[in-house]
Each structure stands twice: as structure tokens, then as C-alpha cells.
Amino acid sequence: MKSTAQAHKPVTTTAVVAVTVIAAATLIGAWIFQYGFGLVPCELCLEQRYAYYFVIPAGALLAIAASRGLDTRWVALGLIVLALATLANAGLATYHSGVEWGWWKGPTACTGPIVDLGKAGNLLEQLNKVKVVRCDEVQWRFLGLSLAGYNVLISLLMTALALWGAVRSR
């Protein structure tokens, strides 16, 4: 007869793999929008990718370890870490969405005025080189949501899956 830990092992492994695959697909999607469709990411967009740069390799390592028999308590702890990373990312994406909707101010680096353009003699040359992608201007929406809005939903989904796997492992 299987122990409870062995019975829940497929669930925890499934949760880890699901979170990792969703994270990878989301990051690939962001790159497709950037390089395929020319949507240049703003500062906040790039910061939201940091969670994916963490979750993908951490999730892959955790999935490998889980499939090789890592104790479910450690897998659950790893899932909680993934849940915290994706929840923090959902918070950042919510902040970015609020900036886009004008609910609050964003960082001055991508929503405020351009202050320093160098020496006055090179002003026109500097203006031609400056390409500021504003965090408060949406480049693309689908069904009323921007990419930051979709990132909120995707990050919350990954959080829920990670927590589900962690709870099921007990």
C-alpha cells in the first residue's frame, strides 16, 4: 500500500511542472511580443520578468529533484518559495496596471519628465537618441487588459498552482 507522501508525489510534481511550463510559456510570449511584434518593454515590464528568470530554473531543478524522489516536505517548501515569487510578481504587475490606468503614479524613470539630456550643444543629437518607453502608456490591449494585466492573472494562477501542490503534499 502506498504511503500518503507517495500518493501525493504525482500531485506535487505536476504542480511544479505546471508552474515551470506556464512561466516559460509566458516569458516566451513576452519575447514574441517584443521581438516579433516590436512592442518595446518599459522598465516595469522588464522588472516583471525577473520572477520568471527565477521561477523557470528553480522550478526545473525542483521538478527534476521531485521526480527523483526528493522528500515531499522539501518539494512543498520549494513550491512555497515559487508561490511567494509569483505572488510578488502579481503585486508588481498590479502596480504596473494601476500606473497604466492612472490610479497612481509610476516611477519617474518611465513616467516622469526627462530631466538630463547632457550638454546644451548636443541637445538635438541627444533627443534623437533618447527612446523612453513610458510605463503609463499601454502599447497593446486585448479584452481591456494590457500585458501587465495579463501578467497579474498568470502570476496569480502560478501562485495558486504552487500553493495547491504544497498543500496536497501534506
N, C-alpha and C. Protein backbone atom coordinates (compact mmCIF):
# COMPACT_ATOMS: atom_id res chain seq x y z
N MET A 1 0.84 -1.18 0.00
CA MET A 1 0.00 0.00 0.00
C MET A 1 0.89 1.25 0.00
N LYS A 2 0.51 2.27 -0.75
CA LYS A 2 1.31 3.49 -0.86
C LYS A 2 1.12 4.36 0.36
N SER A 3 2.21 5.03 0.76
CA SER A 3 2.10 5.99 1.85
C SER A 3 1.46 7.27 1.32
N THR A 4 1.02 8.13 2.24
CA THR A 4 0.40 9.40 1.85
C THR A 4 1.37 10.24 1.05
N ALA A 5 2.64 10.27 1.45
CA ALA A 5 3.65 11.05 0.74
C ALA A 5 3.82 10.55 -0.69
N GLN A 6 3.81 9.20 -0.86
CA GLN A 6 3.95 8.65 -2.20
C GLN A 6 2.72 8.92 -3.05
N ALA A 7 1.54 8.90 -2.42
CA ALA A 7 0.30 9.14 -3.15
C ALA A 7 0.23 10.57 -3.65
N HIS A 8 0.79 11.53 -2.89
CA HIS A 8 0.73 12.93 -3.27
C HIS A 8 1.92 13.37 -4.11
N LYS A 9 2.90 12.49 -4.30
CA LYS A 9 4.08 12.83 -5.08
C LYS A 9 3.72 13.25 -6.51
N PRO A 10 2.85 12.53 -7.23
CA PRO A 10 2.49 12.98 -8.58
C PRO A 10 1.83 14.36 -8.58
N VAL A 11 1.06 14.67 -7.56
CA VAL A 11 0.40 15.97 -7.49
C VAL A 11 1.44 17.08 -7.33
N THR A 12 2.40 16.88 -6.44
CA THR A 12 3.42 17.91 -6.23
C THR A 12 4.29 18.07 -7.47
N THR A 13 4.65 16.95 -8.09
CA THR A 13 5.46 17.03 -9.31
C THR A 13 4.67 17.72 -10.42
N THR A 14 3.39 17.40 -10.53
CA THR A 14 2.54 18.04 -11.53
C THR A 14 2.46 19.54 -11.29
N ALA A 15 2.32 19.95 -10.05
CA ALA A 15 2.23 21.37 -9.72
C ALA A 15 3.52 22.09 -10.10
N VAL A 16 4.67 21.49 -9.76
CA VAL A 16 5.96 22.10 -10.08
C VAL A 16 6.12 22.23 -11.59
N VAL A 17 5.82 21.16 -12.32
CA VAL A 17 5.96 21.19 -13.77
C VAL A 17 5.00 22.21 -14.38
N ALA A 18 3.78 22.27 -13.89
CA ALA A 18 2.80 23.22 -14.42
C ALA A 18 3.27 24.66 -14.23
N VAL A 19 3.73 24.99 -13.04
CA VAL A 19 4.21 26.35 -12.77
C VAL A 19 5.40 26.68 -13.68
N THR A 20 6.31 25.75 -13.82
CA THR A 20 7.51 25.97 -14.64
C THR A 20 7.15 26.14 -16.11
N VAL A 21 6.26 25.31 -16.62
CA VAL A 21 5.86 25.40 -18.02
C VAL A 21 5.10 26.70 -18.29
N ILE A 22 4.21 27.07 -17.39
CA ILE A 22 3.47 28.33 -17.55
C ILE A 22 4.43 29.51 -17.54
N ALA A 23 5.40 29.49 -16.64
CA ALA A 23 6.39 30.58 -16.57
C ALA A 23 7.19 30.66 -17.86
N ALA A 24 7.63 29.52 -18.36
CA ALA A 24 8.41 29.51 -19.61
C ALA A 24 7.57 30.00 -20.79
N ALA A 25 6.33 29.55 -20.87
CA ALA A 25 5.45 29.97 -21.97
C ALA A 25 5.18 31.48 -21.89
N THR A 26 5.02 31.99 -20.69
CA THR A 26 4.76 33.42 -20.53
C THR A 26 5.97 34.25 -20.95
N LEU A 27 7.14 33.83 -20.54
CA LEU A 27 8.36 34.56 -20.92
C LEU A 27 8.59 34.49 -22.43
N ILE A 28 8.36 33.34 -23.02
CA ILE A 28 8.48 33.21 -24.47
C ILE A 28 7.47 34.12 -25.15
N GLY A 29 6.26 34.17 -24.61
CA GLY A 29 5.24 35.08 -25.16
C GLY A 29 5.67 36.53 -25.09
N ALA A 30 6.28 36.92 -23.98
CA ALA A 30 6.77 38.30 -23.85
C ALA A 30 7.84 38.59 -24.90
N TRP A 31 8.73 37.63 -25.12
CA TRP A 31 9.77 37.82 -26.13
C TRP A 31 9.18 37.89 -27.54
N ILE A 32 8.12 37.12 -27.78
CA ILE A 32 7.46 37.18 -29.10
C ILE A 32 6.85 38.56 -29.31
N PHE A 33 6.18 39.09 -28.28
CA PHE A 33 5.62 40.44 -28.39
C PHE A 33 6.74 41.46 -28.62
N GLN A 34 7.87 41.28 -27.93
CA GLN A 34 8.97 42.23 -28.04
C GLN A 34 9.68 42.13 -29.40
N TYR A 35 10.15 40.94 -29.73
CA TYR A 35 10.97 40.79 -30.92
C TYR A 35 10.17 40.48 -32.19
N GLY A 36 9.02 39.87 -32.03
CA GLY A 36 8.20 39.54 -33.19
C GLY A 36 7.27 40.66 -33.62
N PHE A 37 6.72 41.38 -32.63
CA PHE A 37 5.75 42.42 -32.94
C PHE A 37 6.24 43.83 -32.63
N GLY A 38 7.47 43.94 -32.12
CA GLY A 38 8.07 45.25 -31.90
C GLY A 38 7.54 46.03 -30.72
N LEU A 39 6.90 45.37 -29.76
CA LEU A 39 6.45 46.07 -28.56
C LEU A 39 7.62 46.15 -27.58
N VAL A 40 8.18 47.34 -27.47
CA VAL A 40 9.35 47.53 -26.62
C VAL A 40 8.89 47.61 -25.16
N PRO A 41 9.46 46.77 -24.29
CA PRO A 41 9.03 46.77 -22.89
C PRO A 41 9.54 48.00 -22.13
N CYS A 42 8.74 48.46 -21.21
CA CYS A 42 9.14 49.56 -20.35
C CYS A 42 9.94 49.00 -19.16
N GLU A 43 10.38 49.90 -18.31
CA GLU A 43 11.17 49.50 -17.14
C GLU A 43 10.40 48.51 -16.25
N LEU A 44 9.12 48.77 -16.00
CA LEU A 44 8.33 47.88 -15.15
C LEU A 44 8.08 46.53 -15.81
N CYS A 45 7.92 46.53 -17.13
CA CYS A 45 7.76 45.26 -17.85
C CYS A 45 8.99 44.38 -17.66
N LEU A 46 10.16 45.00 -17.80
CA LEU A 46 11.40 44.24 -17.65
C LEU A 46 11.57 43.74 -16.22
N GLU A 47 11.18 44.53 -15.24
CA GLU A 47 11.28 44.10 -13.84
C GLU A 47 10.37 42.91 -13.55
N GLN A 48 9.22 42.86 -14.23
CA GLN A 48 8.30 41.74 -14.02
C GLN A 48 8.88 40.43 -14.54
N ARG A 49 9.82 40.50 -15.43
CA ARG A 49 10.44 39.29 -15.97
C ARG A 49 11.39 38.63 -14.97
N TYR A 50 11.87 39.38 -13.99
CA TYR A 50 12.82 38.81 -13.02
C TYR A 50 12.24 37.58 -12.33
N ALA A 51 10.97 37.61 -11.98
CA ALA A 51 10.35 36.45 -11.32
C ALA A 51 10.41 35.23 -12.23
N TYR A 52 10.18 35.43 -13.52
CA TYR A 52 10.24 34.32 -14.47
C TYR A 52 11.66 33.79 -14.60
N TYR A 53 12.65 34.70 -14.57
CA TYR A 53 14.04 34.27 -14.64
C TYR A 53 14.43 33.45 -13.41
N PHE A 54 13.73 33.63 -12.32
CA PHE A 54 13.96 32.81 -11.13
C PHE A 54 13.14 31.52 -11.17
N VAL A 55 11.85 31.64 -11.47
CA VAL A 55 10.92 30.51 -11.39
C VAL A 55 11.27 29.41 -12.38
N ILE A 56 11.68 29.75 -13.58
CA ILE A 56 11.93 28.73 -14.60
C ILE A 56 13.08 27.79 -14.19
N PRO A 57 14.27 28.30 -13.89
CA PRO A 57 15.32 27.34 -13.49
C PRO A 57 15.06 26.70 -12.13
N ALA A 58 14.53 27.47 -11.18
CA ALA A 58 14.24 26.89 -9.86
C ALA A 58 13.18 25.81 -9.97
N GLY A 59 12.14 26.07 -10.77
CA GLY A 59 11.09 25.08 -10.97
C GLY A 59 11.60 23.84 -11.69
N ALA A 60 12.46 24.05 -12.69
CA ALA A 60 13.03 22.90 -13.41
C ALA A 60 13.87 22.03 -12.48
N LEU A 61 14.70 22.66 -11.67
CA LEU A 61 15.51 21.89 -10.72
C LEU A 61 14.63 21.17 -9.70
N LEU A 62 13.60 21.85 -9.22
CA LEU A 62 12.69 21.24 -8.25
C LEU A 62 11.92 20.07 -8.89
N ALA A 63 11.51 20.23 -10.13
CA ALA A 63 10.80 19.15 -10.82
C ALA A 63 11.71 17.92 -10.99
N ILE A 64 12.96 18.16 -11.35
CA ILE A 64 13.91 17.04 -11.50
C ILE A 64 14.11 16.35 -10.15
N ALA A 65 14.33 17.16 -9.12
CA ALA A 65 14.54 16.59 -7.78
C ALA A 65 13.30 15.84 -7.31
N ALA A 66 12.11 16.38 -7.56
CA ALA A 66 10.87 15.72 -7.14
C ALA A 66 10.70 14.40 -7.88
N SER A 67 11.02 14.38 -9.17
CA SER A 67 10.86 13.15 -9.94
C SER A 67 11.88 12.09 -9.54
N ARG A 68 12.96 12.50 -8.89
CA ARG A 68 14.00 11.56 -8.45
C ARG A 68 13.86 11.19 -6.97
N GLY A 69 12.72 11.56 -6.39
CA GLY A 69 12.45 11.07 -5.05
C GLY A 69 12.73 12.04 -3.91
N LEU A 70 12.91 13.31 -4.19
CA LEU A 70 13.09 14.28 -3.11
C LEU A 70 11.90 14.22 -2.17
N ASP A 71 12.16 14.25 -0.89
CA ASP A 71 11.11 14.19 0.12
C ASP A 71 10.06 15.26 -0.17
N THR A 72 8.79 14.88 -0.04
CA THR A 72 7.70 15.80 -0.38
C THR A 72 7.69 17.06 0.49
N ARG A 73 8.24 16.98 1.68
CA ARG A 73 8.32 18.20 2.52
C ARG A 73 9.22 19.24 1.86
N TRP A 74 10.33 18.79 1.25
CA TRP A 74 11.22 19.72 0.57
C TRP A 74 10.59 20.25 -0.72
N VAL A 75 9.86 19.38 -1.40
CA VAL A 75 9.15 19.82 -2.61
C VAL A 75 8.09 20.85 -2.23
N ALA A 76 7.38 20.61 -1.13
CA ALA A 76 6.38 21.56 -0.66
C ALA A 76 7.02 22.91 -0.32
N LEU A 77 8.17 22.87 0.33
CA LEU A 77 8.88 24.10 0.65
C LEU A 77 9.29 24.82 -0.63
N GLY A 78 9.78 24.08 -1.61
CA GLY A 78 10.13 24.68 -2.91
C GLY A 78 8.93 25.30 -3.59
N LEU A 79 7.79 24.63 -3.49
CA LEU A 79 6.56 25.18 -4.08
C LEU A 79 6.14 26.46 -3.36
N ILE A 80 6.33 26.51 -2.08
CA ILE A 80 6.00 27.74 -1.33
C ILE A 80 6.91 28.89 -1.78
N VAL A 81 8.18 28.59 -2.00
CA VAL A 81 9.10 29.62 -2.50
C VAL A 81 8.65 30.11 -3.88
N LEU A 82 8.26 29.17 -4.75
CA LEU A 82 7.75 29.56 -6.08
C LEU A 82 6.47 30.38 -5.94
N ALA A 83 5.62 30.00 -5.01
CA ALA A 83 4.37 30.75 -4.79
C ALA A 83 4.66 32.17 -4.33
N LEU A 84 5.62 32.34 -3.45
CA LEU A 84 5.98 33.68 -2.98
C LEU A 84 6.55 34.53 -4.11
N ALA A 85 7.38 33.94 -4.95
CA ALA A 85 7.95 34.68 -6.08
C ALA A 85 6.87 35.11 -7.06
N THR A 86 5.94 34.21 -7.36
CA THR A 86 4.89 34.55 -8.32
C THR A 86 3.87 35.51 -7.71
N LEU A 87 3.63 35.40 -6.41
CA LEU A 87 2.73 36.35 -5.75
C LEU A 87 3.33 37.75 -5.73
N ALA A 88 4.63 37.84 -5.46
CA ALA A 88 5.31 39.14 -5.51
C ALA A 88 5.23 39.73 -6.92
N ASN A 89 5.37 38.87 -7.92
CA ASN A 89 5.27 39.33 -9.30
C ASN A 89 3.86 39.81 -9.63
N ALA A 90 2.87 39.13 -9.09
CA ALA A 90 1.48 39.59 -9.28
C ALA A 90 1.30 40.98 -8.67
N GLY A 91 1.94 41.21 -7.52
CA GLY A 91 1.87 42.53 -6.90
C GLY A 91 2.52 43.60 -7.76
N LEU A 92 3.69 43.29 -8.33
CA LEU A 92 4.37 44.25 -9.20
C LEU A 92 3.54 44.51 -10.46
N ALA A 93 2.96 43.46 -11.02
CA ALA A 93 2.13 43.61 -12.22
C ALA A 93 0.86 44.41 -11.91
N THR A 94 0.31 44.23 -10.71
CA THR A 94 -0.86 45.02 -10.29
C THR A 94 -0.47 46.49 -10.19
N TYR A 95 0.69 46.77 -9.60
CA TYR A 95 1.20 48.14 -9.52
C TYR A 95 1.33 48.72 -10.92
N HIS A 96 1.93 47.97 -11.85
CA HIS A 96 2.11 48.45 -13.22
C HIS A 96 0.76 48.71 -13.89
N SER A 97 -0.18 47.81 -13.69
CA SER A 97 -1.52 48.01 -14.26
C SER A 97 -2.16 49.28 -13.72
N GLY A 98 -1.98 49.52 -12.43
CA GLY A 98 -2.51 50.75 -11.83
C GLY A 98 -1.88 52.00 -12.40
N VAL A 99 -0.58 51.92 -12.69
CA VAL A 99 0.11 53.04 -13.34
C VAL A 99 -0.49 53.27 -14.72
N GLU A 100 -0.72 52.18 -15.45
CA GLU A 100 -1.30 52.29 -16.80
C GLU A 100 -2.70 52.90 -16.77
N TRP A 101 -3.48 52.55 -15.78
CA TRP A 101 -4.84 53.08 -15.67
C TRP A 101 -4.88 54.47 -15.03
N GLY A 102 -3.74 54.95 -14.55
CA GLY A 102 -3.68 56.27 -13.94
C GLY A 102 -4.18 56.30 -12.50
N TRP A 103 -4.23 55.14 -11.85
CA TRP A 103 -4.71 55.07 -10.47
C TRP A 103 -3.67 55.62 -9.50
N TRP A 104 -2.41 55.50 -9.84
CA TRP A 104 -1.32 56.04 -9.03
C TRP A 104 -0.14 56.33 -9.95
N LYS A 105 0.81 57.06 -9.43
CA LYS A 105 1.99 57.44 -10.21
C LYS A 105 2.98 56.29 -10.28
N GLY A 106 3.67 56.22 -11.37
CA GLY A 106 4.71 55.22 -11.55
C GLY A 106 6.07 55.80 -11.26
N PRO A 107 7.11 55.02 -11.50
CA PRO A 107 8.46 55.51 -11.28
C PRO A 107 8.79 56.65 -12.24
N THR A 108 9.55 57.61 -11.76
CA THR A 108 9.87 58.77 -12.59
C THR A 108 10.73 58.40 -13.79
N ALA A 109 11.45 57.30 -13.72
CA ALA A 109 12.30 56.89 -14.84
C ALA A 109 11.49 56.60 -16.10
N CYS A 110 10.24 56.19 -15.94
CA CYS A 110 9.47 55.87 -17.15
C CYS A 110 8.09 56.54 -17.18
N THR A 111 7.82 57.43 -16.24
CA THR A 111 6.55 58.16 -16.31
C THR A 111 6.73 59.65 -16.10
N GLY A 112 7.88 60.05 -15.58
CA GLY A 112 8.13 61.47 -15.31
C GLY A 112 8.79 62.17 -16.47
N PRO A 113 9.11 63.44 -16.30
CA PRO A 113 9.77 64.20 -17.37
C PRO A 113 11.23 63.77 -17.53
N ILE A 114 11.75 63.98 -18.71
CA ILE A 114 13.15 63.71 -18.98
C ILE A 114 13.93 64.93 -18.50
N VAL A 115 14.83 64.75 -17.55
CA VAL A 115 15.49 65.88 -16.92
C VAL A 115 16.85 66.18 -17.52
N ASP A 116 17.72 65.20 -17.65
CA ASP A 116 19.09 65.44 -18.07
C ASP A 116 19.34 64.89 -19.46
N LEU A 117 19.59 65.78 -20.40
CA LEU A 117 19.88 65.35 -21.77
C LEU A 117 21.34 65.63 -22.15
N GLY A 118 22.15 65.95 -21.20
CA GLY A 118 23.56 66.22 -21.48
C GLY A 118 23.78 67.70 -21.73
N LYS A 119 24.84 68.02 -22.46
CA LYS A 119 25.20 69.41 -22.74
C LYS A 119 24.22 70.03 -23.71
N ALA A 120 23.99 71.31 -23.55
CA ALA A 120 23.02 72.04 -24.37
C ALA A 120 23.38 72.01 -25.85
N GLY A 121 24.68 72.00 -26.18
CA GLY A 121 25.11 71.99 -27.58
C GLY A 121 24.71 70.72 -28.30
N ASN A 122 24.55 69.64 -27.57
CA ASN A 122 24.18 68.35 -28.17
C ASN A 122 22.71 68.03 -27.96
N LEU A 123 21.91 69.00 -27.63
CA LEU A 123 20.52 68.74 -27.27
C LEU A 123 19.76 68.01 -28.37
N LEU A 124 19.84 68.49 -29.59
CA LEU A 124 19.10 67.83 -30.68
C LEU A 124 19.63 66.43 -30.94
N GLU A 125 20.94 66.27 -30.87
CA GLU A 125 21.52 64.94 -31.06
C GLU A 125 21.07 63.99 -29.96
N GLN A 126 21.05 64.47 -28.73
CA GLN A 126 20.62 63.65 -27.60
C GLN A 126 19.14 63.30 -27.72
N LEU A 127 18.32 64.26 -28.14
CA LEU A 127 16.88 63.98 -28.30
C LEU A 127 16.63 62.90 -29.34
N ASN A 128 17.44 62.86 -30.37
CA ASN A 128 17.28 61.83 -31.40
C ASN A 128 17.66 60.45 -30.88
N LYS A 129 18.53 60.38 -29.90
CA LYS A 129 18.98 59.11 -29.35
C LYS A 129 18.08 58.59 -28.23
N VAL A 130 17.35 59.49 -27.58
CA VAL A 130 16.54 59.10 -26.42
C VAL A 130 15.29 58.36 -26.88
N LYS A 131 15.11 57.18 -26.35
CA LYS A 131 13.91 56.38 -26.63
C LYS A 131 13.36 55.93 -25.28
N VAL A 132 12.42 56.69 -24.76
CA VAL A 132 11.82 56.37 -23.47
C VAL A 132 10.52 55.64 -23.73
N VAL A 133 10.42 54.43 -23.19
CA VAL A 133 9.18 53.68 -23.27
C VAL A 133 8.45 53.95 -21.96
N ARG A 134 7.34 54.61 -22.04
CA ARG A 134 6.63 55.04 -20.85
C ARG A 134 5.87 53.87 -20.23
N CYS A 135 5.93 53.82 -18.90
CA CYS A 135 5.23 52.77 -18.15
C CYS A 135 3.73 53.05 -18.05
N ASP A 136 3.34 54.28 -18.28
CA ASP A 136 1.93 54.64 -18.12
C ASP A 136 1.17 54.69 -19.45
N GLU A 137 1.81 54.30 -20.54
CA GLU A 137 1.15 54.25 -21.84
C GLU A 137 1.11 52.80 -22.31
N VAL A 138 -0.09 52.30 -22.52
CA VAL A 138 -0.28 50.90 -22.93
C VAL A 138 -0.04 50.79 -24.43
N GLN A 139 0.81 49.85 -24.81
CA GLN A 139 1.09 49.64 -26.24
C GLN A 139 0.11 48.66 -26.88
N TRP A 140 -0.50 47.79 -26.05
CA TRP A 140 -1.37 46.75 -26.59
C TRP A 140 -2.37 46.33 -25.54
N ARG A 141 -3.61 46.18 -25.94
CA ARG A 141 -4.66 45.67 -25.05
C ARG A 141 -5.46 44.61 -25.81
N PHE A 142 -5.95 43.64 -25.05
CA PHE A 142 -6.86 42.64 -25.58
C PHE A 142 -7.91 42.39 -24.52
N LEU A 143 -9.16 42.52 -24.90
CA LEU A 143 -10.29 42.38 -23.98
C LEU A 143 -10.15 43.34 -22.78
N GLY A 144 -9.60 44.50 -23.02
CA GLY A 144 -9.48 45.53 -22.00
C GLY A 144 -8.26 45.42 -21.10
N LEU A 145 -7.49 44.35 -21.24
CA LEU A 145 -6.32 44.16 -20.38
C LEU A 145 -5.03 44.36 -21.17
N SER A 146 -4.06 44.99 -20.53
CA SER A 146 -2.72 45.14 -21.10
C SER A 146 -1.92 43.88 -20.77
N LEU A 147 -0.70 43.85 -21.24
CA LEU A 147 0.17 42.72 -20.91
C LEU A 147 0.43 42.66 -19.41
N ALA A 148 0.53 43.81 -18.76
CA ALA A 148 0.70 43.82 -17.30
C ALA A 148 -0.53 43.22 -16.62
N GLY A 149 -1.71 43.52 -17.14
CA GLY A 149 -2.94 42.95 -16.59
C GLY A 149 -2.97 41.44 -16.73
N TYR A 150 -2.56 40.96 -17.90
CA TYR A 150 -2.50 39.51 -18.08
C TYR A 150 -1.44 38.89 -17.19
N ASN A 151 -0.36 39.62 -16.94
CA ASN A 151 0.68 39.10 -16.06
C ASN A 151 0.15 38.94 -14.63
N VAL A 152 -0.75 39.83 -14.21
CA VAL A 152 -1.38 39.66 -12.89
C VAL A 152 -2.09 38.31 -12.84
N LEU A 153 -2.91 38.04 -13.84
CA LEU A 153 -3.70 36.81 -13.87
C LEU A 153 -2.81 35.56 -13.95
N ILE A 154 -1.80 35.62 -14.81
CA ILE A 154 -0.90 34.47 -14.97
C ILE A 154 -0.12 34.22 -13.68
N SER A 155 0.38 35.29 -13.07
CA SER A 155 1.14 35.13 -11.83
C SER A 155 0.27 34.58 -10.71
N LEU A 156 -0.98 35.03 -10.63
CA LEU A 156 -1.89 34.51 -9.60
C LEU A 156 -2.22 33.04 -9.87
N LEU A 157 -2.35 32.67 -11.14
CA LEU A 157 -2.58 31.26 -11.48
C LEU A 157 -1.40 30.41 -11.02
N MET A 158 -0.18 30.87 -11.30
CA MET A 158 1.00 30.11 -10.88
C MET A 158 1.08 30.04 -9.36
N THR A 159 0.73 31.12 -8.68
CA THR A 159 0.71 31.11 -7.21
C THR A 159 -0.27 30.06 -6.70
N ALA A 160 -1.47 30.05 -7.28
CA ALA A 160 -2.49 29.09 -6.85
C ALA A 160 -2.05 27.65 -7.10
N LEU A 161 -1.45 27.39 -8.25
CA LEU A 161 -0.98 26.04 -8.56
C LEU A 161 0.13 25.61 -7.60
N ALA A 162 1.05 26.52 -7.31
CA ALA A 162 2.14 26.19 -6.40
C ALA A 162 1.61 25.91 -4.99
N LEU A 163 0.68 26.73 -4.53
CA LEU A 163 0.10 26.52 -3.19
C LEU A 163 -0.72 25.23 -3.15
N TRP A 164 -1.45 24.96 -4.23
CA TRP A 164 -2.23 23.72 -4.32
C TRP A 164 -1.30 22.52 -4.19
N GLY A 165 -0.20 22.54 -4.92
CA GLY A 165 0.76 21.43 -4.83
C GLY A 165 1.37 21.31 -3.45
N ALA A 166 1.68 22.46 -2.83
CA ALA A 166 2.28 22.42 -1.48
C ALA A 166 1.29 21.86 -0.46
N VAL A 167 0.03 22.26 -0.55
CA VAL A 167 -0.99 21.78 0.38
C VAL A 167 -1.26 20.30 0.16
N ARG A 168 -1.34 19.89 -1.09
CA ARG A 168 -1.62 18.48 -1.41
C ARG A 168 -0.47 17.56 -1.00
N SER A 169 0.72 18.11 -0.84
CA SER A 169 1.85 17.26 -0.47
C SER A 169 1.82 16.86 0.99
N ARG A 170 1.01 17.52 1.77
CA ARG A 170 0.98 17.24 3.22
C ARG A 170 0.06 16.11 3.51
